[in-house]
Amino acid sequence: MARIVVAGALFFLVSGANAESLALPQPGEYEVQMKLEMPHVEDMGIQKTARICVTDSGTRGIVILSENNPLVRCPASNIRQDAGELTFDLICEGHNQAVAWAKFQLWPDHFSGVFDMKMGGKNMTMTERQSGKRVGACNEQPHS
């Protein structure tokens, strides 16, 4: 009988850990620090702080924050979350369009990661690094 109780407790702990990892990060408003980098350019000086509303599905509301970026309008695909890691692709439609690959580490109250981008016909690559920290519940209207 004791073995059944121990086995049940272990199952509860393991399934509880899996449920917790699926809920990462906790939905709410996050303040995000963003820095845009280009190969062979030491300091582009492009940094930004924005607020986003993180959700509990899809890309979780994590988006590209750099200005005038065509990838903002492109659909996400290949969305995968495994424990504390979220990956997805952004692929714009059409010939020679922009693409991005996202890889983020998730915790209950913060996240960090990168968007590696290729800007289509321009053959230009960039990386957008982000780190976000939960600051509270989402407002009715998201702002940046």
Protein backbone atom coordinates (compact mmCIF):
# COMPACT_ATOMS: atom_id res chain seq x y z
CA MET A 1 0.00 0.00 0.00
CA ALA A 2 2.87 2.39 0.84
CA ARG A 3 4.36 1.76 -2.62
CA ILE A 4 1.09 2.81 -4.27
CA VAL A 5 1.02 6.04 -2.25
CA VAL A 6 4.67 6.82 -3.13
CA ALA A 7 4.08 6.02 -6.81
CA GLY A 8 0.99 8.25 -6.82
CA ALA A 9 2.91 11.09 -5.17
CA LEU A 10 5.73 10.76 -7.72
CA PHE A 11 3.22 10.82 -10.59
CA PHE A 12 1.60 13.94 -9.13
CA LEU A 13 4.99 15.68 -8.81
CA VAL A 14 6.05 14.78 -12.35
CA SER A 15 2.72 15.74 -13.95
CA GLY A 16 2.65 18.93 -11.85
CA ALA A 17 6.10 19.88 -13.18
CA ASN A 18 4.94 19.27 -16.76
CA ALA A 19 1.82 21.37 -16.26
CA GLU A 20 3.92 24.16 -14.76
CA SER A 21 6.38 24.14 -17.66
CA LEU A 22 3.49 24.37 -20.15
CA ALA A 23 2.21 27.51 -18.40
CA LEU A 24 5.50 29.39 -18.83
CA PRO A 25 5.68 32.33 -18.80
CA GLN A 26 2.77 33.52 -16.68
CA PRO A 27 0.36 35.60 -18.81
CA GLY A 28 0.43 39.35 -18.15
CA GLU A 29 2.13 42.57 -19.11
CA TYR A 30 5.89 42.36 -19.62
CA GLU A 31 8.44 45.13 -19.91
CA VAL A 32 10.82 44.10 -22.67
CA GLN A 33 14.34 45.36 -23.34
CA MET A 34 15.28 45.00 -27.02
CA LYS A 35 18.63 45.43 -28.76
CA LEU A 36 19.14 45.14 -32.52
CA GLU A 37 22.49 43.77 -33.74
CA MET A 38 24.05 43.39 -37.18
CA PRO A 39 27.13 41.32 -38.08
CA HIS A 40 30.37 43.34 -38.29
CA VAL A 41 28.74 46.41 -36.68
CA GLU A 42 29.99 46.91 -33.12
CA ASP A 43 27.26 49.13 -31.73
CA MET A 44 24.21 49.99 -33.77
CA GLY A 45 22.82 51.95 -30.84
CA ILE A 46 19.34 50.61 -31.52
CA GLN A 47 17.78 49.76 -28.20
CA LYS A 48 14.20 50.02 -27.09
CA THR A 49 12.00 49.33 -24.10
CA ALA A 50 8.44 48.24 -24.83
CA ARG A 51 5.54 46.59 -23.06
CA ILE A 52 3.75 43.57 -24.48
CA CYS A 53 0.89 41.40 -23.32
CA VAL A 54 2.08 37.80 -22.94
CA THR A 55 -0.60 35.16 -23.46
CA ASP A 56 -0.74 31.42 -22.82
CA SER A 57 -0.78 30.13 -26.42
CA GLY A 58 0.99 30.32 -29.77
CA THR A 59 4.03 32.61 -29.73
CA ARG A 60 2.73 33.80 -26.35
CA GLY A 61 2.55 37.38 -27.66
CA ILE A 62 6.33 37.57 -28.14
CA VAL A 63 6.86 39.69 -31.26
CA ILE A 64 9.61 41.53 -33.10
CA LEU A 65 9.91 45.01 -31.63
CA SER A 66 12.35 46.75 -34.01
CA GLU A 67 10.77 49.58 -36.00
CA ASN A 68 10.00 49.42 -39.73
CA ASN A 69 10.51 45.65 -39.73
CA PRO A 70 8.46 43.78 -42.38
CA LEU A 71 8.51 40.61 -40.23
CA VAL A 72 5.99 42.18 -37.83
CA ARG A 73 3.24 41.37 -40.34
CA CYS A 74 4.38 37.82 -41.17
CA PRO A 75 2.64 34.73 -39.77
CA ALA A 76 4.29 32.45 -37.23
CA SER A 77 4.74 28.76 -38.04
CA ASN A 78 6.47 25.70 -36.56
CA ILE A 79 5.60 26.91 -33.05
CA ARG A 80 7.10 24.55 -30.47
CA GLN A 81 7.39 24.72 -26.72
CA ASP A 82 9.42 22.12 -24.89
CA ALA A 83 9.70 22.72 -21.15
CA GLY A 84 11.20 26.20 -20.83
CA GLU A 85 12.08 26.76 -24.50
CA LEU A 86 9.85 28.34 -27.17
CA THR A 87 10.83 28.29 -30.85
CA PHE A 88 8.99 29.45 -33.96
CA ASP A 89 9.54 30.79 -37.47
CA LEU A 90 8.25 33.94 -39.13
CA ILE A 91 8.01 33.53 -42.88
CA CYS A 92 6.69 36.30 -45.11
CA GLU A 93 4.82 35.29 -48.26
CA GLY A 94 6.19 35.91 -51.72
CA HIS A 95 9.46 35.54 -53.56
CA ASN A 96 12.64 36.65 -51.78
CA GLN A 97 10.82 37.79 -48.63
CA ALA A 98 12.06 38.19 -45.06
CA VAL A 99 12.30 35.23 -42.67
CA ALA A 100 13.11 34.93 -38.96
CA TRP A 101 13.83 32.15 -36.51
CA ALA A 102 12.91 32.75 -32.87
CA LYS A 103 14.36 30.96 -29.85
CA PHE A 104 13.34 31.98 -26.32
CA GLN A 105 13.97 30.66 -22.82
CA LEU A 106 10.89 30.97 -20.59
CA TRP A 107 10.52 31.25 -16.82
CA PRO A 108 7.37 31.96 -14.76
CA ASP A 109 7.96 35.73 -14.56
CA HIS A 110 10.51 36.53 -17.30
CA PHE A 111 11.87 35.44 -20.68
CA SER A 112 14.88 36.06 -22.90
CA GLY A 113 15.74 35.14 -26.44
CA VAL A 114 16.55 36.13 -29.99
CA PHE A 115 15.03 36.62 -33.38
CA ASP A 116 17.59 35.78 -36.09
CA MET A 117 16.39 37.57 -39.24
CA LYS A 118 17.22 37.52 -42.94
CA MET A 119 15.73 40.44 -44.81
CA GLY A 120 14.95 38.76 -48.14
CA GLY A 121 16.33 40.27 -51.35
CA LYS A 122 18.61 42.60 -49.39
CA ASN A 123 20.62 39.57 -48.18
CA MET A 124 20.99 41.39 -44.86
CA THR A 125 21.00 39.54 -41.54
CA MET A 126 20.17 40.97 -38.11
CA THR A 127 19.55 39.70 -34.61
CA GLU A 128 17.01 41.15 -32.21
CA ARG A 129 17.77 40.24 -28.59
CA GLN A 130 14.97 40.54 -26.06
CA SER A 131 14.57 40.10 -22.33
CA GLY A 132 11.23 40.64 -20.66
CA LYS A 133 10.05 40.78 -17.06
CA ARG A 134 6.44 40.54 -15.86
CA VAL A 135 5.19 43.82 -14.40
CA GLY A 136 1.53 42.97 -13.79
CA ALA A 137 -1.74 42.17 -15.51
CA CYS A 138 -2.35 43.23 -19.12
CA ASN A 139 -4.15 46.52 -19.66
CA GLU A 140 -7.21 46.60 -21.90
CA GLN A 141 -5.22 48.16 -24.74
CA PRO A 142 -1.67 46.97 -25.33
CA HIS A 143 0.94 49.68 -25.81
CA SER A 144 4.59 49.87 -26.72
